[in-house]
């Protein structure tokens, strides 16, 4: 009979081995589609975010989290990532940097923009709840390709979070 400590160690080892043999989270179709998006469309979106910020802020995208299994055919649709994430983000940054005070405040405090999607914590419509600004990182946790018409609400959420923290 195993001691409690040995049982825990065995369970931990089993979890590690299981994780090593787990299937990839993204299928080939998703990996191809996201690679095509990153190469073809994302550079313009990244540039728009940086121009709106007024400086070349790093834009980190957790592509493996933004991609949703089975949605690969839609990644090239402007409504999938652009209308729901990148464009409202850029519009919110433009609003914050509309004057010198906003430009100076953003440049002084914003170090990185991180974009991801966590199904468990991303809001369905209260977009401000999907934004955090801590330690110079603007964390955007929004579901792609959802509520595409909520552009204005997303922009307002970005502005509110930044104005509160700058």
N, C-alpha and C. Protein backbone atom coordinates (compact mmCIF):
# COMPACT_ATOMS: atom_id res chain seq x y z
N UNK A 1 0.84 -1.18 0.00
CA UNK A 1 0.00 0.00 0.00
C UNK A 1 0.89 1.24 0.00
N UNK A 2 0.53 2.21 -0.85
CA UNK A 2 1.31 3.44 -0.97
C UNK A 2 0.96 4.41 0.15
N UNK A 3 1.99 5.13 0.59
CA UNK A 3 1.73 6.20 1.56
C UNK A 3 1.00 7.33 0.83
N UNK A 4 0.44 8.22 1.60
CA UNK A 4 -0.27 9.35 1.01
C UNK A 4 0.67 10.18 0.13
N UNK A 5 1.88 10.39 0.62
CA UNK A 5 2.87 11.17 -0.14
C UNK A 5 3.23 10.47 -1.44
N UNK A 6 3.44 9.16 -1.40
CA UNK A 6 3.75 8.40 -2.61
C UNK A 6 2.58 8.41 -3.59
N UNK A 7 1.37 8.34 -3.07
CA UNK A 7 0.18 8.37 -3.93
C UNK A 7 0.08 9.71 -4.65
N UNK A 8 0.34 10.80 -3.92
CA UNK A 8 0.31 12.12 -4.54
C UNK A 8 1.40 12.26 -5.60
N UNK A 9 2.59 11.75 -5.30
CA UNK A 9 3.69 11.80 -6.26
C UNK A 9 3.33 10.99 -7.52
N UNK A 10 2.72 9.83 -7.34
CA UNK A 10 2.33 9.01 -8.48
C UNK A 10 1.26 9.70 -9.32
N UNK A 11 0.30 10.33 -8.65
CA UNK A 11 -0.76 11.04 -9.36
C UNK A 11 -0.19 12.21 -10.15
N UNK A 12 0.76 12.92 -9.55
CA UNK A 12 1.39 14.05 -10.23
C UNK A 12 2.14 13.58 -11.47
N UNK A 13 2.89 12.49 -11.34
CA UNK A 13 3.63 11.93 -12.46
C UNK A 13 2.67 11.51 -13.57
N UNK A 14 1.57 10.88 -13.21
CA UNK A 14 0.59 10.45 -14.19
C UNK A 14 0.01 11.64 -14.94
N UNK A 15 -0.28 12.73 -14.23
CA UNK A 15 -0.79 13.93 -14.88
C UNK A 15 0.23 14.51 -15.86
N UNK A 16 1.49 14.52 -15.45
CA UNK A 16 2.54 15.05 -16.33
C UNK A 16 2.68 14.21 -17.59
N UNK A 17 2.65 12.89 -17.44
CA UNK A 17 2.77 12.00 -18.59
C UNK A 17 1.55 12.16 -19.49
N UNK A 18 0.35 12.27 -18.89
CA UNK A 18 -0.87 12.45 -19.68
C UNK A 18 -0.81 13.75 -20.47
N UNK A 19 -0.33 14.81 -19.82
CA UNK A 19 -0.24 16.10 -20.51
C UNK A 19 0.73 16.02 -21.67
N UNK A 20 1.82 15.29 -21.51
CA UNK A 20 2.81 15.17 -22.57
C UNK A 20 2.23 14.44 -23.78
N UNK A 21 1.28 13.54 -23.56
CA UNK A 21 0.70 12.78 -24.64
C UNK A 21 -0.63 13.35 -25.13
N UNK A 22 -1.05 14.47 -24.57
CA UNK A 22 -2.33 15.06 -24.95
C UNK A 22 -2.28 15.52 -26.41
N UNK A 23 -3.43 15.51 -27.03
CA UNK A 23 -3.56 15.97 -28.40
C UNK A 23 -3.34 17.48 -28.45
N UNK A 24 -2.81 18.00 -29.54
CA UNK A 24 -2.67 19.45 -29.66
C UNK A 24 -4.06 20.10 -29.58
N UNK A 25 -4.10 21.30 -29.03
CA UNK A 25 -5.39 21.96 -28.88
C UNK A 25 -5.91 22.52 -30.20
N UNK A 26 -5.02 22.77 -31.13
CA UNK A 26 -5.44 23.30 -32.43
C UNK A 26 -5.18 22.28 -33.52
N UNK A 27 -6.18 22.09 -34.36
CA UNK A 27 -6.01 21.19 -35.48
C UNK A 27 -5.23 21.86 -36.60
N UNK A 28 -4.90 21.10 -37.60
CA UNK A 28 -4.13 21.60 -38.74
C UNK A 28 -4.87 22.74 -39.44
N UNK A 29 -6.17 22.62 -39.60
CA UNK A 29 -6.93 23.67 -40.28
C UNK A 29 -6.82 24.99 -39.53
N UNK A 30 -6.94 24.93 -38.20
CA UNK A 30 -6.82 26.15 -37.40
C UNK A 30 -5.41 26.73 -37.47
N UNK A 31 -4.41 25.86 -37.39
CA UNK A 31 -3.03 26.35 -37.45
C UNK A 31 -2.72 27.00 -38.80
N UNK A 32 -3.21 26.41 -39.88
CA UNK A 32 -3.01 27.00 -41.21
C UNK A 32 -3.73 28.34 -41.33
N UNK A 33 -4.97 28.37 -40.88
CA UNK A 33 -5.77 29.59 -41.00
C UNK A 33 -5.18 30.72 -40.17
N UNK A 34 -4.72 30.41 -38.97
CA UNK A 34 -4.16 31.47 -38.13
C UNK A 34 -2.82 31.93 -38.68
N UNK A 35 -2.04 31.03 -39.24
CA UNK A 35 -0.77 31.42 -39.86
C UNK A 35 -1.03 32.36 -41.04
N UNK A 36 -2.04 32.05 -41.83
CA UNK A 36 -2.39 32.92 -42.97
C UNK A 36 -2.86 34.29 -42.47
N UNK A 37 -3.64 34.31 -41.41
CA UNK A 37 -4.11 35.59 -40.86
C UNK A 37 -2.94 36.40 -40.30
N UNK A 38 -2.08 35.75 -39.56
CA UNK A 38 -0.94 36.44 -38.95
C UNK A 38 -0.04 37.05 -40.01
N UNK A 39 0.12 36.35 -41.13
CA UNK A 39 0.99 36.83 -42.19
C UNK A 39 0.31 37.88 -43.06
N UNK A 40 -0.97 37.68 -43.36
CA UNK A 40 -1.65 38.55 -44.31
C UNK A 40 -2.36 39.75 -43.72
N UNK A 41 -3.09 39.56 -42.63
CA UNK A 41 -3.96 40.62 -42.13
C UNK A 41 -3.49 41.24 -40.82
N UNK A 42 -2.86 40.45 -39.96
CA UNK A 42 -2.48 40.97 -38.65
C UNK A 42 -1.50 42.14 -38.69
N UNK A 43 -0.51 42.16 -39.58
CA UNK A 43 0.41 43.31 -39.57
C UNK A 43 -0.30 44.66 -39.67
N UNK A 44 -1.33 44.74 -40.47
CA UNK A 44 -2.08 46.00 -40.59
C UNK A 44 -2.83 46.32 -39.30
N UNK A 45 -3.33 45.30 -38.64
CA UNK A 45 -4.04 45.51 -37.38
C UNK A 45 -3.07 45.95 -36.28
N UNK A 46 -1.93 45.31 -36.24
CA UNK A 46 -0.91 45.68 -35.25
C UNK A 46 -0.46 47.12 -35.48
N UNK A 47 -0.25 47.49 -36.73
CA UNK A 47 0.18 48.85 -37.05
C UNK A 47 -0.90 49.86 -36.66
N UNK A 48 -2.16 49.53 -36.88
CA UNK A 48 -3.26 50.43 -36.51
C UNK A 48 -3.31 50.65 -35.00
N UNK A 49 -3.09 49.60 -34.23
CA UNK A 49 -3.07 49.72 -32.77
C UNK A 49 -1.90 50.61 -32.34
N UNK A 50 -0.75 50.38 -32.93
CA UNK A 50 0.44 51.16 -32.56
C UNK A 50 0.30 52.63 -32.98
N UNK A 51 -0.26 52.87 -34.15
CA UNK A 51 -0.47 54.25 -34.59
C UNK A 51 -1.48 54.95 -33.68
N UNK A 52 -2.51 54.24 -33.27
CA UNK A 52 -3.51 54.82 -32.37
C UNK A 52 -2.90 55.14 -31.02
N UNK A 53 -1.97 54.29 -30.56
CA UNK A 53 -1.30 54.53 -29.28
C UNK A 53 -0.31 55.69 -29.41
N UNK A 54 0.19 55.91 -30.60
CA UNK A 54 1.16 56.99 -30.82
C UNK A 54 2.60 56.55 -30.63
N UNK A 55 2.82 55.27 -30.43
CA UNK A 55 4.17 54.73 -30.30
C UNK A 55 4.10 53.22 -30.56
N UNK A 56 5.23 52.59 -30.84
CA UNK A 56 5.22 51.17 -31.21
C UNK A 56 5.09 50.24 -29.99
N UNK A 57 3.94 50.31 -29.34
CA UNK A 57 3.68 49.45 -28.18
C UNK A 57 3.65 47.98 -28.66
N UNK A 58 4.31 47.09 -27.94
CA UNK A 58 4.25 45.68 -28.32
C UNK A 58 2.82 45.14 -28.19
N UNK A 59 2.40 44.40 -29.20
CA UNK A 59 1.07 43.78 -29.19
C UNK A 59 1.30 42.27 -29.17
N UNK A 60 1.02 41.68 -28.02
CA UNK A 60 1.18 40.23 -27.85
C UNK A 60 -0.18 39.57 -27.99
N UNK A 61 -0.27 38.62 -28.90
CA UNK A 61 -1.53 37.94 -29.13
C UNK A 61 -1.35 36.46 -28.80
N UNK A 62 -2.20 35.96 -27.93
CA UNK A 62 -2.19 34.53 -27.59
C UNK A 62 -3.05 33.81 -28.63
N UNK A 63 -2.44 33.57 -29.79
CA UNK A 63 -3.19 33.01 -30.92
C UNK A 63 -3.82 31.68 -30.58
N UNK A 64 -3.13 30.86 -29.80
CA UNK A 64 -3.68 29.56 -29.44
C UNK A 64 -4.94 29.69 -28.59
N UNK A 65 -5.09 30.83 -27.91
CA UNK A 65 -6.31 31.06 -27.12
C UNK A 65 -7.40 31.73 -27.95
N UNK A 66 -7.02 32.54 -28.92
CA UNK A 66 -8.02 33.24 -29.75
C UNK A 66 -8.68 32.33 -30.76
N UNK A 67 -8.01 31.29 -31.14
CA UNK A 67 -8.56 30.39 -32.15
C UNK A 67 -9.55 29.43 -31.50
N UNK A 68 -10.65 29.24 -32.16
CA UNK A 68 -11.70 28.37 -31.66
C UNK A 68 -11.84 27.20 -32.62
N UNK A 69 -11.73 25.98 -32.11
CA UNK A 69 -11.83 24.81 -32.99
C UNK A 69 -13.10 24.85 -33.85
N UNK A 70 -12.89 24.60 -35.13
CA UNK A 70 -14.00 24.59 -36.08
C UNK A 70 -14.24 25.93 -36.75
N UNK A 71 -13.62 27.00 -36.26
CA UNK A 71 -13.85 28.33 -36.84
C UNK A 71 -12.81 28.73 -37.87
N UNK A 72 -11.90 27.87 -38.22
CA UNK A 72 -10.82 28.21 -39.15
C UNK A 72 -11.32 28.89 -40.43
N UNK A 73 -12.44 28.47 -41.03
CA UNK A 73 -12.89 29.13 -42.27
C UNK A 73 -13.25 30.60 -42.09
N UNK A 74 -13.46 31.04 -40.84
CA UNK A 74 -13.92 32.40 -40.59
C UNK A 74 -12.81 33.37 -40.19
N UNK A 75 -11.61 32.89 -39.95
CA UNK A 75 -10.53 33.76 -39.46
C UNK A 75 -10.24 34.92 -40.40
N UNK A 76 -10.40 34.72 -41.69
CA UNK A 76 -10.12 35.78 -42.67
C UNK A 76 -11.27 36.79 -42.75
N UNK A 77 -12.42 36.47 -42.18
CA UNK A 77 -13.56 37.39 -42.17
C UNK A 77 -13.22 38.57 -41.27
N UNK A 78 -13.34 39.80 -41.76
CA UNK A 78 -13.00 40.96 -40.93
C UNK A 78 -13.77 41.03 -39.61
N UNK A 79 -14.93 40.43 -39.56
CA UNK A 79 -15.70 40.43 -38.33
C UNK A 79 -15.17 39.49 -37.26
N UNK A 80 -14.31 38.57 -37.65
CA UNK A 80 -13.86 37.57 -36.69
C UNK A 80 -12.92 38.16 -35.64
N UNK A 81 -11.79 38.69 -36.05
CA UNK A 81 -10.83 39.30 -35.11
C UNK A 81 -10.88 40.82 -35.15
N UNK A 82 -11.04 41.36 -36.33
CA UNK A 82 -10.86 42.80 -36.52
C UNK A 82 -11.99 43.63 -35.92
N UNK A 83 -13.22 43.37 -36.30
CA UNK A 83 -14.34 44.17 -35.82
C UNK A 83 -14.60 43.95 -34.33
N UNK A 84 -14.26 42.77 -33.85
CA UNK A 84 -14.57 42.46 -32.45
C UNK A 84 -13.41 42.70 -31.48
N UNK A 85 -12.19 42.79 -31.99
CA UNK A 85 -11.05 42.96 -31.08
C UNK A 85 -10.14 44.11 -31.51
N UNK A 86 -9.48 43.97 -32.64
CA UNK A 86 -8.42 44.92 -33.02
C UNK A 86 -8.94 46.33 -33.31
N UNK A 87 -10.00 46.46 -34.09
CA UNK A 87 -10.49 47.79 -34.46
C UNK A 87 -11.07 48.57 -33.27
N UNK A 88 -11.87 47.94 -32.39
CA UNK A 88 -12.33 48.71 -31.23
C UNK A 88 -11.18 49.07 -30.29
N UNK A 89 -10.19 48.21 -30.20
CA UNK A 89 -9.01 48.52 -29.39
C UNK A 89 -8.30 49.76 -29.93
N UNK A 90 -8.07 49.78 -31.23
CA UNK A 90 -7.40 50.93 -31.87
C UNK A 90 -8.26 52.19 -31.71
N UNK A 91 -9.56 52.07 -31.88
CA UNK A 91 -10.44 53.24 -31.75
C UNK A 91 -10.41 53.77 -30.32
N UNK A 92 -10.39 52.90 -29.34
CA UNK A 92 -10.30 53.33 -27.95
C UNK A 92 -8.98 54.03 -27.66
N UNK A 93 -7.90 53.49 -28.18
CA UNK A 93 -6.59 54.12 -28.01
C UNK A 93 -6.56 55.50 -28.67
N UNK A 94 -7.16 55.61 -29.87
CA UNK A 94 -7.22 56.91 -30.56
C UNK A 94 -7.99 57.94 -29.72
N UNK A 95 -9.06 57.49 -29.09
CA UNK A 95 -9.85 58.40 -28.26
C UNK A 95 -9.02 58.89 -27.07
N UNK A 96 -8.29 57.98 -26.44
CA UNK A 96 -7.46 58.34 -25.28
C UNK A 96 -6.34 59.29 -25.69
N UNK A 97 -5.79 59.09 -26.87
CA UNK A 97 -4.64 59.90 -27.30
C UNK A 97 -5.04 61.08 -28.18
N UNK A 98 -6.27 61.53 -28.07
CA UNK A 98 -6.74 62.63 -28.91
C UNK A 98 -6.09 63.96 -28.56
N UNK A 99 -5.47 64.05 -27.39
CA UNK A 99 -4.77 65.28 -27.02
C UNK A 99 -3.40 64.92 -26.42
N UNK A 100 -2.59 65.92 -26.24
CA UNK A 100 -1.23 65.69 -25.74
C UNK A 100 -1.22 65.05 -24.37
N UNK A 101 -2.15 65.43 -23.50
CA UNK A 101 -2.19 64.86 -22.16
C UNK A 101 -2.42 63.35 -22.22
N UNK A 102 -3.34 62.93 -23.08
CA UNK A 102 -3.61 61.51 -23.25
C UNK A 102 -2.44 60.77 -23.86
N UNK A 103 -1.80 61.38 -24.86
CA UNK A 103 -0.64 60.74 -25.50
C UNK A 103 0.49 60.55 -24.49
N UNK A 104 0.75 61.59 -23.69
CA UNK A 104 1.82 61.51 -22.70
C UNK A 104 1.51 60.47 -21.63
N UNK A 105 0.27 60.44 -21.16
CA UNK A 105 -0.11 59.49 -20.12
C UNK A 105 -0.01 58.05 -20.63
N UNK A 106 -0.48 57.82 -21.84
CA UNK A 106 -0.43 56.46 -22.39
C UNK A 106 1.01 56.02 -22.60
N UNK A 107 1.81 56.89 -23.18
CA UNK A 107 3.22 56.56 -23.44
C UNK A 107 3.97 56.28 -22.13
N UNK A 108 3.63 56.99 -21.08
CA UNK A 108 4.31 56.82 -19.80
C UNK A 108 3.94 55.50 -19.10
N UNK A 109 2.72 55.03 -19.32
CA UNK A 109 2.27 53.87 -18.53
C UNK A 109 2.04 52.58 -19.31
N UNK A 110 1.68 52.67 -20.58
CA UNK A 110 1.39 51.46 -21.35
C UNK A 110 2.68 50.85 -21.87
N UNK A 111 2.94 49.62 -21.47
CA UNK A 111 4.15 48.92 -21.90
C UNK A 111 3.84 47.82 -22.93
N UNK A 112 2.67 47.21 -22.81
CA UNK A 112 2.32 46.08 -23.67
C UNK A 112 0.80 45.97 -23.78
N UNK A 113 0.34 45.54 -24.94
CA UNK A 113 -1.06 45.16 -25.11
C UNK A 113 -1.07 43.65 -25.30
N UNK A 114 -1.83 42.98 -24.47
CA UNK A 114 -1.93 41.51 -24.55
C UNK A 114 -3.37 41.16 -24.92
N UNK A 115 -3.52 40.37 -25.97
CA UNK A 115 -4.84 39.99 -26.45
C UNK A 115 -4.98 38.48 -26.34
N UNK A 116 -6.09 38.08 -25.76
CA UNK A 116 -6.34 36.65 -25.55
C UNK A 116 -7.84 36.42 -25.45
N UNK A 117 -8.22 35.16 -25.34
CA UNK A 117 -9.62 34.81 -25.11
C UNK A 117 -9.65 33.62 -24.17
N UNK A 118 -10.25 33.83 -23.01
CA UNK A 118 -10.45 32.78 -22.03
C UNK A 118 -11.95 32.57 -21.91
N UNK A 119 -12.42 31.47 -22.42
CA UNK A 119 -13.85 31.19 -22.46
C UNK A 119 -14.51 31.30 -21.08
N UNK A 120 -13.78 30.96 -20.05
CA UNK A 120 -14.35 30.97 -18.69
C UNK A 120 -14.51 32.37 -18.12
N UNK A 121 -13.68 33.31 -18.56
CA UNK A 121 -13.71 34.64 -17.95
C UNK A 121 -14.05 35.79 -18.90
N UNK A 122 -14.09 35.55 -20.18
CA UNK A 122 -14.41 36.62 -21.13
C UNK A 122 -15.89 36.98 -21.01
N UNK A 123 -16.18 38.28 -20.96
CA UNK A 123 -17.58 38.69 -20.82
C UNK A 123 -18.35 38.51 -22.12
N UNK A 124 -19.65 38.28 -21.98
CA UNK A 124 -20.50 38.16 -23.16
C UNK A 124 -20.81 39.53 -23.74
N UNK A 125 -20.97 40.52 -22.88
CA UNK A 125 -21.27 41.86 -23.38
C UNK A 125 -20.75 42.98 -22.47
N UNK A 126 -20.47 42.74 -21.24
CA UNK A 126 -19.92 43.77 -20.34
C UNK A 126 -18.42 43.85 -20.61
N UNK A 127 -18.06 44.48 -21.73
CA UNK A 127 -16.70 44.41 -22.26
C UNK A 127 -15.64 44.96 -21.31
N UNK A 128 -16.01 45.90 -20.47
CA UNK A 128 -15.05 46.44 -19.50
C UNK A 128 -14.56 45.34 -18.56
N UNK A 129 -15.40 44.34 -18.30
CA UNK A 129 -15.00 43.22 -17.44
C UNK A 129 -13.96 42.32 -18.10
N UNK A 130 -13.76 42.47 -19.40
CA UNK A 130 -12.76 41.70 -20.11
C UNK A 130 -11.45 42.45 -20.30
N UNK A 131 -11.32 43.59 -19.63
CA UNK A 131 -10.12 44.42 -19.73
C UNK A 131 -9.49 44.60 -18.37
N UNK A 132 -8.16 44.53 -18.35
CA UNK A 132 -7.40 44.85 -17.14
C UNK A 132 -6.22 45.69 -17.55
N UNK A 133 -5.85 46.62 -16.69
CA UNK A 133 -4.65 47.40 -16.93
C UNK A 133 -3.84 47.36 -15.64
N UNK A 134 -2.82 46.53 -15.64
CA UNK A 134 -1.98 46.35 -14.46
C UNK A 134 -0.53 46.23 -14.89
N UNK A 135 0.34 46.90 -14.16
CA UNK A 135 1.77 46.79 -14.43
C UNK A 135 2.17 47.20 -15.83
N UNK A 136 1.43 48.12 -16.42
CA UNK A 136 1.75 48.58 -17.76
C UNK A 136 1.20 47.71 -18.87
N UNK A 137 0.45 46.66 -18.51
CA UNK A 137 -0.10 45.74 -19.51
C UNK A 137 -1.61 45.93 -19.63
N UNK A 138 -2.05 46.25 -20.83
CA UNK A 138 -3.47 46.27 -21.12
C UNK A 138 -3.84 44.88 -21.60
N UNK A 139 -4.58 44.16 -20.78
CA UNK A 139 -4.98 42.78 -21.07
C UNK A 139 -6.40 42.81 -21.63
N UNK A 140 -6.55 42.33 -22.87
CA UNK A 140 -7.84 42.29 -23.54
C UNK A 140 -8.28 40.84 -23.64
N UNK A 141 -9.37 40.52 -22.96
CA UNK A 141 -9.92 39.16 -22.95
C UNK A 141 -11.33 39.21 -23.50
N UNK A 142 -11.43 39.19 -24.83
CA UNK A 142 -12.72 39.24 -25.52
C UNK A 142 -12.84 38.07 -26.46
N UNK A 143 -14.06 37.58 -26.61
CA UNK A 143 -14.32 36.48 -27.54
C UNK A 143 -14.35 37.02 -28.96
N UNK A 144 -13.60 36.40 -29.85
CA UNK A 144 -13.67 36.83 -31.25
C UNK A 144 -15.02 36.43 -31.86
N UNK A 145 -15.45 37.21 -32.85
CA UNK A 145 -16.61 36.89 -33.68
C UNK A 145 -17.91 36.75 -32.87
N UNK A 146 -18.04 37.54 -31.82
CA UNK A 146 -19.27 37.51 -31.03
C UNK A 146 -19.80 38.94 -30.90
N UNK A 147 -21.09 39.10 -31.04
CA UNK A 147 -21.72 40.42 -30.90
C UNK A 147 -20.98 41.47 -31.73
N UNK A 148 -20.84 41.20 -32.99
CA UNK A 148 -20.07 42.05 -33.89
C UNK A 148 -20.57 43.49 -33.91
N UNK A 149 -21.84 43.69 -33.68
CA UNK A 149 -22.42 45.03 -33.71
C UNK A 149 -22.07 45.87 -32.47
N UNK A 150 -21.44 45.29 -31.47
CA UNK A 150 -21.13 46.00 -30.23
C UNK A 150 -19.82 46.80 -30.30
N UNK A 151 -19.47 47.27 -31.45
CA UNK A 151 -18.21 48.00 -31.65
C UNK A 151 -18.09 49.17 -30.67
N UNK A 152 -19.11 50.01 -30.62
CA UNK A 152 -19.09 51.21 -29.78
C UNK A 152 -18.92 50.83 -28.30
N UNK A 153 -19.58 49.78 -27.86
CA UNK A 153 -19.47 49.35 -26.46
C UNK A 153 -18.05 48.91 -26.12
N UNK A 154 -17.40 48.25 -27.07
CA UNK A 154 -16.02 47.82 -26.84
C UNK A 154 -15.08 49.03 -26.77
N UNK A 155 -15.28 49.99 -27.66
CA UNK A 155 -14.46 51.20 -27.67
C UNK A 155 -14.61 51.93 -26.33
N UNK A 156 -15.84 52.10 -25.89
CA UNK A 156 -16.09 52.78 -24.61
C UNK A 156 -15.43 52.05 -23.45
N UNK A 157 -15.43 50.74 -23.48
CA UNK A 157 -14.80 49.96 -22.42
C UNK A 157 -13.29 50.22 -22.38
N UNK A 158 -12.65 50.25 -23.54
CA UNK A 158 -11.21 50.53 -23.61
C UNK A 158 -10.93 51.92 -23.04
N UNK A 159 -11.70 52.89 -23.45
CA UNK A 159 -11.50 54.27 -22.99
C UNK A 159 -11.68 54.34 -21.48
N UNK A 160 -12.72 53.76 -20.94
CA UNK A 160 -12.97 53.82 -19.49
C UNK A 160 -11.84 53.18 -18.70
N UNK A 161 -11.40 52.02 -19.11
CA UNK A 161 -10.34 51.33 -18.37
C UNK A 161 -9.04 52.13 -18.42
N UNK A 162 -8.70 52.64 -19.59
CA UNK A 162 -7.46 53.40 -19.69
C UNK A 162 -7.54 54.73 -18.93
N UNK A 163 -8.63 55.46 -19.11
CA UNK A 163 -8.74 56.74 -18.42
C UNK A 163 -8.70 56.57 -16.90
N UNK A 164 -9.26 55.49 -16.42
CA UNK A 164 -9.25 55.23 -14.97
C UNK A 164 -7.83 54.93 -14.46
N UNK A 165 -7.01 54.33 -15.30
CA UNK A 165 -5.70 53.85 -14.86
C UNK A 165 -4.51 54.69 -15.33
N UNK A 166 -4.75 55.72 -16.12
CA UNK A 166 -3.62 56.52 -16.61
C UNK A 166 -3.42 57.77 -15.76
